[in-house]
All heavy atoms as atom14 arrays in JSON, in Angstrom:
{
  "sequence": "NTATLSSGQDAYTQLGLTEPGSGTDSETFGNWVGGDTKNGFAAPT",
  "atom14_mask": [
    [1, 1, 1, 1, 1, 1, 1, 1, 0, 0, 0, 0, 0, 0],
    [1, 1, 1, 1, 1, 1, 1, 0, 0, 0, 0, 0, 0, 0],
    [1, 1, 1, 1, 1, 0, 0, 0, 0, 0, 0, 0, 0, 0],
    [1, 1, 1, 1, 1, 1, 1, 0, 0, 0, 0, 0, 0, 0],
    [1, 1, 1, 1, 1, 1, 1, 1, 0, 0, 0, 0, 0, 0],
    [1, 1, 1, 1, 1, 1, 0, 0, 0, 0, 0, 0, 0, 0],
    [1, 1, 1, 1, 1, 1, 0, 0, 0, 0, 0, 0, 0, 0],
    [1, 1, 1, 1, 0, 0, 0, 0, 0, 0, 0, 0, 0, 0],
    [1, 1, 1, 1, 1, 1, 1, 1, 1, 0, 0, 0, 0, 0],
    [1, 1, 1, 1, 1, 1, 1, 1, 0, 0, 0, 0, 0, 0],
    [1, 1, 1, 1, 1, 0, 0, 0, 0, 0, 0, 0, 0, 0],
    [1, 1, 1, 1, 1, 1, 1, 1, 1, 1, 1, 1, 0, 0],
    [1, 1, 1, 1, 1, 1, 1, 0, 0, 0, 0, 0, 0, 0],
    [1, 1, 1, 1, 1, 1, 1, 1, 1, 0, 0, 0, 0, 0],
    [1, 1, 1, 1, 1, 1, 1, 1, 0, 0, 0, 0, 0, 0],
    [1, 1, 1, 1, 0, 0, 0, 0, 0, 0, 0, 0, 0, 0],
    [1, 1, 1, 1, 1, 1, 1, 1, 0, 0, 0, 0, 0, 0],
    [1, 1, 1, 1, 1, 1, 1, 0, 0, 0, 0, 0, 0, 0],
    [1, 1, 1, 1, 1, 1, 1, 1, 1, 0, 0, 0, 0, 0],
    [1, 1, 1, 1, 1, 1, 1, 0, 0, 0, 0, 0, 0, 0],
    [1, 1, 1, 1, 0, 0, 0, 0, 0, 0, 0, 0, 0, 0],
    [1, 1, 1, 1, 1, 1, 0, 0, 0, 0, 0, 0, 0, 0],
    [1, 1, 1, 1, 0, 0, 0, 0, 0, 0, 0, 0, 0, 0],
    [1, 1, 1, 1, 1, 1, 1, 0, 0, 0, 0, 0, 0, 0],
    [1, 1, 1, 1, 1, 1, 1, 1, 0, 0, 0, 0, 0, 0],
    [1, 1, 1, 1, 1, 1, 0, 0, 0, 0, 0, 0, 0, 0],
    [1, 1, 1, 1, 1, 1, 1, 1, 1, 0, 0, 0, 0, 0],
    [1, 1, 1, 1, 1, 1, 1, 0, 0, 0, 0, 0, 0, 0],
    [1, 1, 1, 1, 1, 1, 1, 1, 1, 1, 1, 0, 0, 0],
    [1, 1, 1, 1, 0, 0, 0, 0, 0, 0, 0, 0, 0, 0],
    [1, 1, 1, 1, 1, 1, 1, 1, 0, 0, 0, 0, 0, 0],
    [1, 1, 1, 1, 1, 1, 1, 1, 1, 1, 1, 1, 1, 1],
    [1, 1, 1, 1, 1, 1, 1, 0, 0, 0, 0, 0, 0, 0],
    [1, 1, 1, 1, 0, 0, 0, 0, 0, 0, 0, 0, 0, 0],
    [1, 1, 1, 1, 0, 0, 0, 0, 0, 0, 0, 0, 0, 0],
    [1, 1, 1, 1, 1, 1, 1, 1, 0, 0, 0, 0, 0, 0],
    [1, 1, 1, 1, 1, 1, 1, 0, 0, 0, 0, 0, 0, 0],
    [1, 1, 1, 1, 1, 1, 1, 1, 1, 0, 0, 0, 0, 0],
    [1, 1, 1, 1, 1, 1, 1, 1, 0, 0, 0, 0, 0, 0],
    [1, 1, 1, 1, 0, 0, 0, 0, 0, 0, 0, 0, 0, 0],
    [1, 1, 1, 1, 1, 1, 1, 1, 1, 1, 1, 0, 0, 0],
    [1, 1, 1, 1, 1, 0, 0, 0, 0, 0, 0, 0, 0, 0],
    [1, 1, 1, 1, 1, 0, 0, 0, 0, 0, 0, 0, 0, 0],
    [1, 1, 1, 1, 1, 1, 1, 0, 0, 0, 0, 0, 0, 0],
    [1, 1, 1, 1, 1, 1, 1, 0, 0, 0, 0, 0, 0, 0]
  ],
  "atom14_positions": [
    [[12.39, -0.96, -10.05], [12.6, 0.11, -9.07], [11.52, 1.19, -9.13], [11.56, 2.16, -8.38], [14.0, 0.73, -9.19], [14.34, 1.15, -10.6], [13.46, 1.5, -11.38], [15.62, 1.09, -10.97], [0.0, 0.0, 0.0], [0.0, 0.0, 0.0], [0.0, 0.0, 0.0], [0.0, 0.0, 0.0], [0.0, 0.0, 0.0], [0.0, 0.0, 0.0]],
    [[10.55, 1.01, -10.03], [9.36, 1.85, -10.06], [8.14, 0.96, -10.31], [8.25, -0.07, -10.98], [9.43, 2.94, -11.16], [9.55, 2.31, -12.44], [10.6, 3.88, -10.93], [0.0, 0.0, 0.0], [0.0, 0.0, 0.0], [0.0, 0.0, 0.0], [0.0, 0.0, 0.0], [0.0, 0.0, 0.0], [0.0, 0.0, 0.0], [0.0, 0.0, 0.0]],
    [[7.01, 1.35, -9.77], [5.78, 0.57, -9.95], [4.6, 1.44, -9.56], [4.77, 2.55, -9.04], [5.82, -0.71, -9.11], [0.0, 0.0, 0.0], [0.0, 0.0, 0.0], [0.0, 0.0, 0.0], [0.0, 0.0, 0.0], [0.0, 0.0, 0.0], [0.0, 0.0, 0.0], [0.0, 0.0, 0.0], [0.0, 0.0, 0.0], [0.0, 0.0, 0.0]],
    [[3.4, 0.92, -9.8], [2.18, 1.61, -9.41], [1.46, 0.79, -8.36], [1.35, -0.44, -8.47], [1.25, 1.81, -10.63], [1.92, 2.62, -11.6], [-0.04, 2.52, -10.22], [0.0, 0.0, 0.0], [0.0, 0.0, 0.0], [0.0, 0.0, 0.0], [0.0, 0.0, 0.0], [0.0, 0.0, 0.0], [0.0, 0.0, 0.0], [0.0, 0.0, 0.0]],
    [[0.97, 1.46, -7.32], [0.2, 0.82, -6.26], [-1.24, 1.32, -6.35], [-1.5, 2.52, -6.34], [0.79, 1.19, -4.89], [0.04, 0.68, -3.67], [0.13, -0.84, -3.58], [0.59, 1.32, -2.39], [0.0, 0.0, 0.0], [0.0, 0.0, 0.0], [0.0, 0.0, 0.0], [0.0, 0.0, 0.0], [0.0, 0.0, 0.0], [0.0, 0.0, 0.0]],
    [[-2.17, 0.37, -6.46], [-3.58, 0.74, -6.53], [-4.41, -0.25, -5.74], [-3.86, -1.1, -5.01], [-4.05, 0.82, -7.99], [-3.81, -0.4, -8.67], [0.0, 0.0, 0.0], [0.0, 0.0, 0.0], [0.0, 0.0, 0.0], [0.0, 0.0, 0.0], [0.0, 0.0, 0.0], [0.0, 0.0, 0.0], [0.0, 0.0, 0.0], [0.0, 0.0, 0.0]],
    [[-5.71, -0.17, -5.87], [-6.63, -0.94, -5.04], [-6.3, -2.43, -4.98], [-6.05, -3.07, -6.01], [-8.06, -0.76, -5.57], [-8.98, -1.47, -4.77], [0.0, 0.0, 0.0], [0.0, 0.0, 0.0], [0.0, 0.0, 0.0], [0.0, 0.0, 0.0], [0.0, 0.0, 0.0], [0.0, 0.0, 0.0], [0.0, 0.0, 0.0], [0.0, 0.0, 0.0]],
    [[-6.28, -2.98, -3.76], [-6.07, -4.4, -3.56], [-4.61, -4.84, -3.58], [-4.34, -6.05, -3.49], [0.0, 0.0, 0.0], [0.0, 0.0, 0.0], [0.0, 0.0, 0.0], [0.0, 0.0, 0.0], [0.0, 0.0, 0.0], [0.0, 0.0, 0.0], [0.0, 0.0, 0.0], [0.0, 0.0, 0.0], [0.0, 0.0, 0.0], [0.0, 0.0, 0.0]],
    [[-3.67, -3.9, -3.66], [-2.25, -4.25, -3.77], [-1.48, -3.77, -2.54], [-1.96, -2.95, -1.76], [-1.66, -3.61, -5.03], [-2.32, -4.08, -6.31], [-1.85, -3.3, -7.53], [-1.37, -2.18, -7.42], [-2.01, -3.9, -8.7], [0.0, 0.0, 0.0], [0.0, 0.0, 0.0], [0.0, 0.0, 0.0], [0.0, 0.0, 0.0], [0.0, 0.0, 0.0]],
    [[-0.26, -4.34, -2.36], [0.63, -3.84, -1.32], [1.94, -3.4, -1.94], [2.34, -3.87, -3.01], [0.86, -4.88, -0.22], [1.65, -6.08, -0.69], [2.88, -5.96, -0.81], [1.04, -7.15, -0.94], [0.0, 0.0, 0.0], [0.0, 0.0, 0.0], [0.0, 0.0, 0.0], [0.0, 0.0, 0.0], [0.0, 0.0, 0.0], [0.0, 0.0, 0.0]],
    [[2.61, -2.47, -1.28], [3.76, -1.78, -1.86], [4.93, -2.7, -2.13], [5.55, -2.66, -3.21], [4.18, -0.62, -0.95], [0.0, 0.0, 0.0], [0.0, 0.0, 0.0], [0.0, 0.0, 0.0], [0.0, 0.0, 0.0], [0.0, 0.0, 0.0], [0.0, 0.0, 0.0], [0.0, 0.0, 0.0], [0.0, 0.0, 0.0], [0.0, 0.0, 0.0]],
    [[5.29, -3.55, -1.16], [6.47, -4.39, -1.34], [6.3, -5.38, -2.48], [7.18, -5.56, -3.31], [6.79, -5.13, -0.03], [7.22, -4.22, 1.09], [6.5, -4.15, 2.28], [8.35, -3.41, 0.97], [6.88, -3.31, 3.31], [8.74, -2.57, 2.0], [8.0, -2.53, 3.17], [8.38, -1.69, 4.19], [0.0, 0.0, 0.0], [0.0, 0.0, 0.0]],
    [[5.14, -6.03, -2.52], [4.9, -7.02, -3.57], [4.93, -6.38, -4.96], [5.41, -7.0, -5.92], [3.54, -7.71, -3.35], [3.56, -8.35, -2.07], [3.29, -8.76, -4.42], [0.0, 0.0, 0.0], [0.0, 0.0, 0.0], [0.0, 0.0, 0.0], [0.0, 0.0, 0.0], [0.0, 0.0, 0.0], [0.0, 0.0, 0.0], [0.0, 0.0, 0.0]],
    [[4.43, -5.15, -5.08], [4.43, -4.48, -6.38], [5.85, -4.28, -6.91], [6.06, -4.19, -8.12], [3.71, -3.13, -6.29], [2.21, -3.24, -6.14], [1.58, -4.05, -7.26], [1.19, -5.2, -7.06], [1.49, -3.48, -8.45], [0.0, 0.0, 0.0], [0.0, 0.0, 0.0], [0.0, 0.0, 0.0], [0.0, 0.0, 0.0], [0.0, 0.0, 0.0]],
    [[6.82, -4.2, -6.02], [8.22, -4.04, -6.43], [8.95, -5.38, -6.49], [10.14, -5.42, -6.8], [8.93, -3.1, -5.46], [8.44, -1.64, -5.49], [8.97, -0.89, -4.27], [8.87, -0.95, -6.78], [0.0, 0.0, 0.0], [0.0, 0.0, 0.0], [0.0, 0.0, 0.0], [0.0, 0.0, 0.0], [0.0, 0.0, 0.0], [0.0, 0.0, 0.0]],
    [[8.25, -6.47, -6.18], [8.86, -7.79, -6.23], [9.55, -8.19, -4.95], [10.27, -9.2, -4.94], [0.0, 0.0, 0.0], [0.0, 0.0, 0.0], [0.0, 0.0, 0.0], [0.0, 0.0, 0.0], [0.0, 0.0, 0.0], [0.0, 0.0, 0.0], [0.0, 0.0, 0.0], [0.0, 0.0, 0.0], [0.0, 0.0, 0.0], [0.0, 0.0, 0.0]],
    [[9.36, -7.45, -3.87], [10.04, -7.72, -2.61], [9.22, -8.67, -1.74], [7.99, -8.62, -1.73], [10.3, -6.41, -1.86], [11.2, -5.42, -2.59], [11.17, -4.06, -1.88], [12.64, -5.95, -2.66], [0.0, 0.0, 0.0], [0.0, 0.0, 0.0], [0.0, 0.0, 0.0], [0.0, 0.0, 0.0], [0.0, 0.0, 0.0], [0.0, 0.0, 0.0]],
    [[9.92, -9.52, -0.99], [9.26, -10.46, -0.1], [8.51, -9.72, 0.98], [9.0, -8.77, 1.56], [10.31, -11.38, 0.57], [11.06, -12.02, -0.45], [9.65, -12.42, 1.44], [0.0, 0.0, 0.0], [0.0, 0.0, 0.0], [0.0, 0.0, 0.0], [0.0, 0.0, 0.0], [0.0, 0.0, 0.0], [0.0, 0.0, 0.0], [0.0, 0.0, 0.0]],
    [[7.29, -10.18, 1.25], [6.53, -9.59, 2.34], [7.15, -10.03, 3.66], [7.6, -11.16, 3.81], [5.07, -10.04, 2.27], [4.36, -9.55, 1.03], [2.94, -10.08, 0.94], [2.69, -11.17, 1.48], [2.1, -9.42, 0.33], [0.0, 0.0, 0.0], [0.0, 0.0, 0.0], [0.0, 0.0, 0.0], [0.0, 0.0, 0.0], [0.0, 0.0, 0.0]],
    [[7.18, -9.13, 4.65], [7.79, -9.48, 5.93], [6.92, -10.42, 6.76], [5.73, -10.57, 6.51], [7.91, -8.12, 6.63], [6.83, -7.29, 6.01], [6.71, -7.75, 4.6], [0.0, 0.0, 0.0], [0.0, 0.0, 0.0], [0.0, 0.0, 0.0], [0.0, 0.0, 0.0], [0.0, 0.0, 0.0], [0.0, 0.0, 0.0], [0.0, 0.0, 0.0]],
    [[7.55, -11.04, 7.75], [6.83, -11.83, 8.75], [6.07, -13.0, 8.18], [6.61, -13.83, 7.45], [0.0, 0.0, 0.0], [0.0, 0.0, 0.0], [0.0, 0.0, 0.0], [0.0, 0.0, 0.0], [0.0, 0.0, 0.0], [0.0, 0.0, 0.0], [0.0, 0.0, 0.0], [0.0, 0.0, 0.0], [0.0, 0.0, 0.0], [0.0, 0.0, 0.0]],
    [[4.78, -13.04, 8.47], [3.95, -14.2, 8.12], [3.5, -14.21, 6.67], [2.73, -15.06, 6.27], [2.71, -14.22, 9.03], [1.94, -13.05, 8.82], [0.0, 0.0, 0.0], [0.0, 0.0, 0.0], [0.0, 0.0, 0.0], [0.0, 0.0, 0.0], [0.0, 0.0, 0.0], [0.0, 0.0, 0.0], [0.0, 0.0, 0.0], [0.0, 0.0, 0.0]],
    [[3.98, -13.25, 5.88], [3.58, -13.21, 4.49], [2.49, -12.19, 4.23], [2.05, -12.02, 3.11], [0.0, 0.0, 0.0], [0.0, 0.0, 0.0], [0.0, 0.0, 0.0], [0.0, 0.0, 0.0], [0.0, 0.0, 0.0], [0.0, 0.0, 0.0], [0.0, 0.0, 0.0], [0.0, 0.0, 0.0], [0.0, 0.0, 0.0], [0.0, 0.0, 0.0]],
    [[2.03, -11.52, 5.28], [1.04, -10.46, 5.11], [1.71, -9.12, 5.34], [2.58, -8.98, 6.19], [-0.12, -10.63, 6.1], [0.4, -10.62, 7.43], [-0.86, -11.93, 5.85], [0.0, 0.0, 0.0], [0.0, 0.0, 0.0], [0.0, 0.0, 0.0], [0.0, 0.0, 0.0], [0.0, 0.0, 0.0], [0.0, 0.0, 0.0], [0.0, 0.0, 0.0]],
    [[1.33, -8.15, 4.58], [1.98, -6.85, 4.59], [0.98, -5.77, 4.94], [-0.13, -5.75, 4.43], [2.6, -6.6, 3.2], [3.21, -5.22, 3.08], [3.61, -4.67, 4.11], [3.29, -4.72, 1.94], [0.0, 0.0, 0.0], [0.0, 0.0, 0.0], [0.0, 0.0, 0.0], [0.0, 0.0, 0.0], [0.0, 0.0, 0.0], [0.0, 0.0, 0.0]],
    [[1.37, -4.85, 5.85], [0.46, -3.78, 6.23], [0.6, -2.54, 5.35], [-0.2, -1.61, 5.46], [0.69, -3.39, 7.7], [2.0, -2.91, 7.9], [0.0, 0.0, 0.0], [0.0, 0.0, 0.0], [0.0, 0.0, 0.0], [0.0, 0.0, 0.0], [0.0, 0.0, 0.0], [0.0, 0.0, 0.0], [0.0, 0.0, 0.0], [0.0, 0.0, 0.0]],
    [[1.63, -2.53, 4.47], [1.8, -1.37, 3.57], [0.93, -1.56, 2.34], [1.41, -1.7, 1.21], [3.27, -1.18, 3.2], [4.2, -0.91, 4.37], [3.91, 0.42, 5.07], [2.95, 1.12, 4.71], [4.67, 0.76, 5.99], [0.0, 0.0, 0.0], [0.0, 0.0, 0.0], [0.0, 0.0, 0.0], [0.0, 0.0, 0.0], [0.0, 0.0, 0.0]],
    [[-0.38, -1.57, 2.58], [-1.35, -1.82, 1.51], [-1.94, -0.51, 1.01], [-1.92, 0.52, 1.71], [-2.5, -2.7, 2.01], [-3.19, -2.01, 3.06], [-1.98, -4.04, 2.54], [0.0, 0.0, 0.0], [0.0, 0.0, 0.0], [0.0, 0.0, 0.0], [0.0, 0.0, 0.0], [0.0, 0.0, 0.0], [0.0, 0.0, 0.0], [0.0, 0.0, 0.0]],
    [[-2.5, -0.56, -0.18], [-3.18, 0.61, -0.73], [-4.29, 1.06, 0.21], [-4.46, 2.26, 0.47], [-3.75, 0.28, -2.11], [-4.52, 1.41, -2.74], [-3.87, 2.48, -3.33], [-5.91, 1.41, -2.74], [-4.58, 3.53, -3.9], [-6.63, 2.45, -3.32], [-5.96, 3.51, -3.89], [0.0, 0.0, 0.0], [0.0, 0.0, 0.0], [0.0, 0.0, 0.0]],
    [[-5.05, 0.11, 0.75], [-6.15, 0.46, 1.64], [-5.68, 1.2, 2.88], [-6.3, 2.18, 3.3], [0.0, 0.0, 0.0], [0.0, 0.0, 0.0], [0.0, 0.0, 0.0], [0.0, 0.0, 0.0], [0.0, 0.0, 0.0], [0.0, 0.0, 0.0], [0.0, 0.0, 0.0], [0.0, 0.0, 0.0], [0.0, 0.0, 0.0], [0.0, 0.0, 0.0]],
    [[-4.58, 0.73, 3.5], [-4.06, 1.42, 4.68], [-3.55, 2.81, 4.33], [-3.72, 3.76, 5.1], [-2.94, 0.59, 5.32], [-3.47, -0.55, 6.17], [-4.65, -0.59, 6.52], [-2.61, -1.5, 6.49], [0.0, 0.0, 0.0], [0.0, 0.0, 0.0], [0.0, 0.0, 0.0], [0.0, 0.0, 0.0], [0.0, 0.0, 0.0], [0.0, 0.0, 0.0]],
    [[-2.89, 2.93, 3.19], [-2.37, 4.24, 2.79], [-3.51, 5.22, 2.53], [-3.43, 6.39, 2.93], [-1.48, 4.09, 1.55], [-0.12, 3.52, 1.85], [0.26, 2.87, 3.0], [1.02, 3.54, 1.01], [1.58, 2.5, 2.9], [2.07, 2.89, 1.7], [1.27, 4.04, -0.27], [3.35, 2.73, 1.15], [2.53, 3.88, -0.82], [3.57, 3.23, -0.12]],
    [[-4.56, 4.76, 1.89], [-5.72, 5.63, 1.67], [-6.32, 6.05, 3.02], [-6.66, 7.22, 3.24], [-6.79, 4.94, 0.79], [-8.07, 5.75, 0.76], [-6.26, 4.74, -0.62], [0.0, 0.0, 0.0], [0.0, 0.0, 0.0], [0.0, 0.0, 0.0], [0.0, 0.0, 0.0], [0.0, 0.0, 0.0], [0.0, 0.0, 0.0], [0.0, 0.0, 0.0]],
    [[-6.45, 5.09, 3.93], [-6.99, 5.39, 5.25], [-6.16, 6.4, 6.0], [-6.69, 7.31, 6.66], [0.0, 0.0, 0.0], [0.0, 0.0, 0.0], [0.0, 0.0, 0.0], [0.0, 0.0, 0.0], [0.0, 0.0, 0.0], [0.0, 0.0, 0.0], [0.0, 0.0, 0.0], [0.0, 0.0, 0.0], [0.0, 0.0, 0.0], [0.0, 0.0, 0.0]],
    [[-4.82, 6.28, 5.91], [-3.94, 7.23, 6.57], [-4.06, 8.62, 5.97], [-4.03, 9.63, 6.69], [0.0, 0.0, 0.0], [0.0, 0.0, 0.0], [0.0, 0.0, 0.0], [0.0, 0.0, 0.0], [0.0, 0.0, 0.0], [0.0, 0.0, 0.0], [0.0, 0.0, 0.0], [0.0, 0.0, 0.0], [0.0, 0.0, 0.0], [0.0, 0.0, 0.0]],
    [[-4.23, 8.68, 4.65], [-4.39, 9.98, 3.99], [-5.69, 10.66, 4.42], [-5.7, 11.84, 4.8], [-4.37, 9.82, 2.47], [-2.97, 9.85, 1.89], [-2.08, 10.47, 2.52], [-2.74, 9.28, 0.81], [0.0, 0.0, 0.0], [0.0, 0.0, 0.0], [0.0, 0.0, 0.0], [0.0, 0.0, 0.0], [0.0, 0.0, 0.0], [0.0, 0.0, 0.0]],
    [[-6.79, 9.93, 4.34], [-8.08, 10.55, 4.65], [-8.15, 10.94, 6.13], [-8.75, 11.97, 6.48], [-9.24, 9.63, 4.29], [-9.07, 8.35, 4.94], [-9.29, 9.41, 2.78], [0.0, 0.0, 0.0], [0.0, 0.0, 0.0], [0.0, 0.0, 0.0], [0.0, 0.0, 0.0], [0.0, 0.0, 0.0], [0.0, 0.0, 0.0], [0.0, 0.0, 0.0]],
    [[-7.53, 10.14, 7.01], [-7.51, 10.48, 8.44], [-6.8, 11.8, 8.69], [-7.12, 12.53, 9.63], [-6.82, 9.35, 9.22], [-6.78, 9.59, 10.72], [-6.09, 8.46, 11.46], [-4.59, 8.52, 11.3], [-3.89, 7.54, 12.18], [0.0, 0.0, 0.0], [0.0, 0.0, 0.0], [0.0, 0.0, 0.0], [0.0, 0.0, 0.0], [0.0, 0.0, 0.0]],
    [[-5.83, 12.11, 7.82], [-5.04, 13.33, 8.01], [-5.44, 14.46, 7.06], [-4.67, 15.4, 6.83], [-3.56, 13.0, 7.86], [-3.02, 12.24, 9.05], [-2.77, 12.81, 10.1], [-2.86, 10.92, 8.89], [0.0, 0.0, 0.0], [0.0, 0.0, 0.0], [0.0, 0.0, 0.0], [0.0, 0.0, 0.0], [0.0, 0.0, 0.0], [0.0, 0.0, 0.0]],
    [[-6.65, 14.37, 6.51], [-7.22, 15.48, 5.78], [-6.97, 15.51, 4.29], [-7.32, 16.49, 3.62], [0.0, 0.0, 0.0], [0.0, 0.0, 0.0], [0.0, 0.0, 0.0], [0.0, 0.0, 0.0], [0.0, 0.0, 0.0], [0.0, 0.0, 0.0], [0.0, 0.0, 0.0], [0.0, 0.0, 0.0], [0.0, 0.0, 0.0], [0.0, 0.0, 0.0]],
    [[-6.4, 14.45, 3.72], [-6.17, 14.4, 2.27], [-7.34, 13.7, 1.59], [-7.95, 12.79, 2.15], [-4.88, 13.65, 1.94], [-3.64, 14.29, 2.48], [-3.04, 13.81, 3.63], [-3.07, 15.38, 1.85], [-1.9, 14.4, 4.14], [-1.92, 15.99, 2.35], [-1.33, 15.5, 3.5], [0.0, 0.0, 0.0], [0.0, 0.0, 0.0], [0.0, 0.0, 0.0]],
    [[-7.63, 14.11, 0.37], [-8.65, 13.4, -0.41], [-8.14, 12.0, -0.74], [-6.92, 11.78, -0.89], [-8.92, 14.17, -1.7], [0.0, 0.0, 0.0], [0.0, 0.0, 0.0], [0.0, 0.0, 0.0], [0.0, 0.0, 0.0], [0.0, 0.0, 0.0], [0.0, 0.0, 0.0], [0.0, 0.0, 0.0], [0.0, 0.0, 0.0], [0.0, 0.0, 0.0]],
    [[-9.03, 11.05, -0.82], [-8.63, 9.67, -1.11], [-7.96, 9.59, -2.47], [-8.55, 9.98, -3.48], [-9.85, 8.76, -1.07], [0.0, 0.0, 0.0], [0.0, 0.0, 0.0], [0.0, 0.0, 0.0], [0.0, 0.0, 0.0], [0.0, 0.0, 0.0], [0.0, 0.0, 0.0], [0.0, 0.0, 0.0], [0.0, 0.0, 0.0], [0.0, 0.0, 0.0]],
    [[-6.72, 9.1, -2.54], [-6.03, 9.01, -3.83], [-6.54, 7.82, -4.64], [-7.15, 6.89, -4.1], [-4.57, 8.79, -3.42], [-4.66, 8.07, -2.12], [-5.89, 8.63, -1.43], [0.0, 0.0, 0.0], [0.0, 0.0, 0.0], [0.0, 0.0, 0.0], [0.0, 0.0, 0.0], [0.0, 0.0, 0.0], [0.0, 0.0, 0.0], [0.0, 0.0, 0.0]],
    [[-6.27, 7.87, -5.94], [-6.63, 6.74, -6.8], [-5.48, 5.77, -6.97], [-5.68, 4.61, -7.32], [-7.06, 7.25, -8.19], [-6.0, 8.03, -8.76], [-8.31, 8.13, -8.07], [0.0, 0.0, 0.0], [0.0, 0.0, 0.0], [0.0, 0.0, 0.0], [0.0, 0.0, 0.0], [0.0, 0.0, 0.0], [0.0, 0.0, 0.0], [0.0, 0.0, 0.0]]
  ]
}
């Protein structure tokens, strides 16, 4: 019920949850970093 998400990983898989749909997940570290920087936050590690 807790985990760490970092480069190259997706949130659901890190918690052991099945990825939705075709097996690809958009809740990735890369997308989250992109969303943060687009909205004025420094890129997280």
